[in-house]
Amino acid sequence: MVSDKHGPVVFDSDNPEWTAEDFAKARPIADFPELSAAFPNGSKPRGRPKGSVSSSKTLVSLRLDNDVLERFRATGPGWQSRINEALRSAT
């Protein structure tokens, strides 16, 4: 076994790495309705909904004092928007 910067390679005989043949034989979960029903969120898109962030906004990295950040976070969901509103009113 060769090790690299991530540690030794571990082989699992119960869960071997897929080969090209395995991928060629694979079928989508939709082919198994009873199995698919066990995962109801499988068809639900993950992540932020498309179009939920205005294209007029820019992602930035900003360092804030811990007490300021804690006060905004303590106000619950939407605290980032409230920081945006506070900055807007300060300009």
Protein backbone atom coordinates (compact mmCIF):
# COMPACT_ATOMS: atom_id res chain seq x y z
CA MET A 1 0.00 0.00 0.00
CA VAL A 2 1.38 3.38 -0.99
CA SER A 3 0.69 6.38 1.20
CA ASP A 4 0.49 9.96 0.05
CA LYS A 5 -0.09 13.23 1.83
CA HIS A 6 -3.64 12.03 2.73
CA GLY A 7 -2.48 8.86 4.45
CA PRO A 8 -2.60 5.23 3.39
CA VAL A 9 -4.95 3.97 0.69
CA VAL A 10 -7.70 1.87 2.26
CA PHE A 11 -9.34 -0.89 0.24
CA ASP A 12 -12.84 -2.01 1.18
CA SER A 13 -13.78 -5.39 -0.23
CA ASP A 14 -17.45 -4.76 0.68
CA ASN A 15 -17.48 -1.55 -1.36
CA PRO A 16 -14.94 -1.80 -4.19
CA GLU A 17 -14.17 1.09 -6.52
CA TRP A 18 -16.42 1.14 -9.59
CA THR A 19 -14.99 0.10 -12.93
CA ALA A 20 -15.99 1.38 -16.37
CA GLU A 21 -18.11 -1.78 -16.73
CA ASP A 22 -19.95 -0.98 -13.46
CA PHE A 23 -20.75 2.54 -14.68
CA ALA A 24 -21.96 1.17 -18.03
CA LYS A 25 -24.40 -1.18 -16.26
CA ALA A 26 -25.66 1.46 -13.79
CA ARG A 27 -29.32 2.48 -13.92
CA PRO A 28 -31.01 5.62 -12.56
CA ILE A 29 -32.97 5.42 -9.32
CA ALA A 30 -36.13 6.23 -11.30
CA ASP A 31 -35.93 2.65 -12.62
CA PHE A 32 -36.64 1.47 -9.05
CA PRO A 33 -39.89 3.21 -7.92
CA GLU A 34 -40.08 1.46 -4.53
CA LEU A 35 -36.50 2.42 -3.74
CA SER A 36 -37.03 5.94 -5.06
CA ALA A 37 -40.05 6.34 -2.76
CA ALA A 38 -37.78 5.73 0.23
CA PHE A 39 -35.92 8.94 -0.65
CA PRO A 40 -38.67 11.58 -1.07
CA ASN A 41 -36.21 14.48 -1.27
CA GLY A 42 -34.28 12.83 -4.09
CA SER A 43 -36.17 14.80 -6.72
CA LYS A 44 -36.02 18.06 -4.79
CA PRO A 45 -33.33 20.41 -6.10
CA ARG A 46 -30.55 21.15 -3.64
CA GLY A 47 -28.98 24.48 -2.84
CA ARG A 48 -30.14 28.04 -3.28
CA PRO A 49 -33.06 28.42 -5.72
CA LYS A 50 -32.07 29.80 -9.11
CA GLY A 51 -32.71 33.51 -9.37
CA SER A 52 -32.86 33.95 -5.60
CA VAL A 53 -29.84 36.25 -5.60
CA SER A 54 -30.10 39.44 -7.54
CA SER A 55 -27.47 39.83 -10.24
CA SER A 56 -26.91 43.32 -8.87
CA LYS A 57 -25.15 41.89 -5.80
CA THR A 58 -21.48 40.99 -5.48
CA LEU A 59 -20.01 38.34 -3.20
CA VAL A 60 -17.35 39.87 -0.93
CA SER A 61 -15.25 38.82 2.03
CA LEU A 62 -15.53 41.23 4.94
CA ARG A 63 -14.08 41.19 8.45
CA LEU A 64 -16.43 42.43 11.16
CA ASP A 65 -15.94 42.77 14.89
CA ASN A 66 -17.23 39.68 16.70
CA ASP A 67 -19.71 41.64 18.81
CA VAL A 68 -21.22 43.30 15.74
CA LEU A 69 -21.59 39.98 13.94
CA GLU A 70 -23.08 38.29 17.00
CA ARG A 71 -25.69 41.04 17.39
CA PHE A 72 -26.84 40.66 13.78
CA ARG A 73 -26.86 36.85 13.94
CA ALA A 74 -28.86 36.98 17.17
CA THR A 75 -31.70 38.65 15.26
CA GLY A 76 -32.33 35.37 13.40
CA PRO A 77 -32.63 34.44 9.74
CA GLY A 78 -32.09 37.30 7.33
CA TRP A 79 -29.26 38.84 9.35
CA GLN A 80 -27.13 39.24 6.21
CA SER A 81 -29.89 41.32 4.59
CA ARG A 82 -30.10 43.45 7.72
CA ILE A 83 -26.35 44.11 7.54
CA ASN A 84 -26.88 45.16 3.92
CA GLU A 85 -29.68 47.53 4.99
CA ALA A 86 -27.51 49.00 7.78
CA LEU A 87 -24.66 49.62 5.34
CA ARG A 88 -27.03 51.13 2.80
CA SER A 89 -28.48 53.55 5.36
CA ALA A 90 -24.96 54.56 6.43
CA THR A 91 -24.02 55.72 2.93
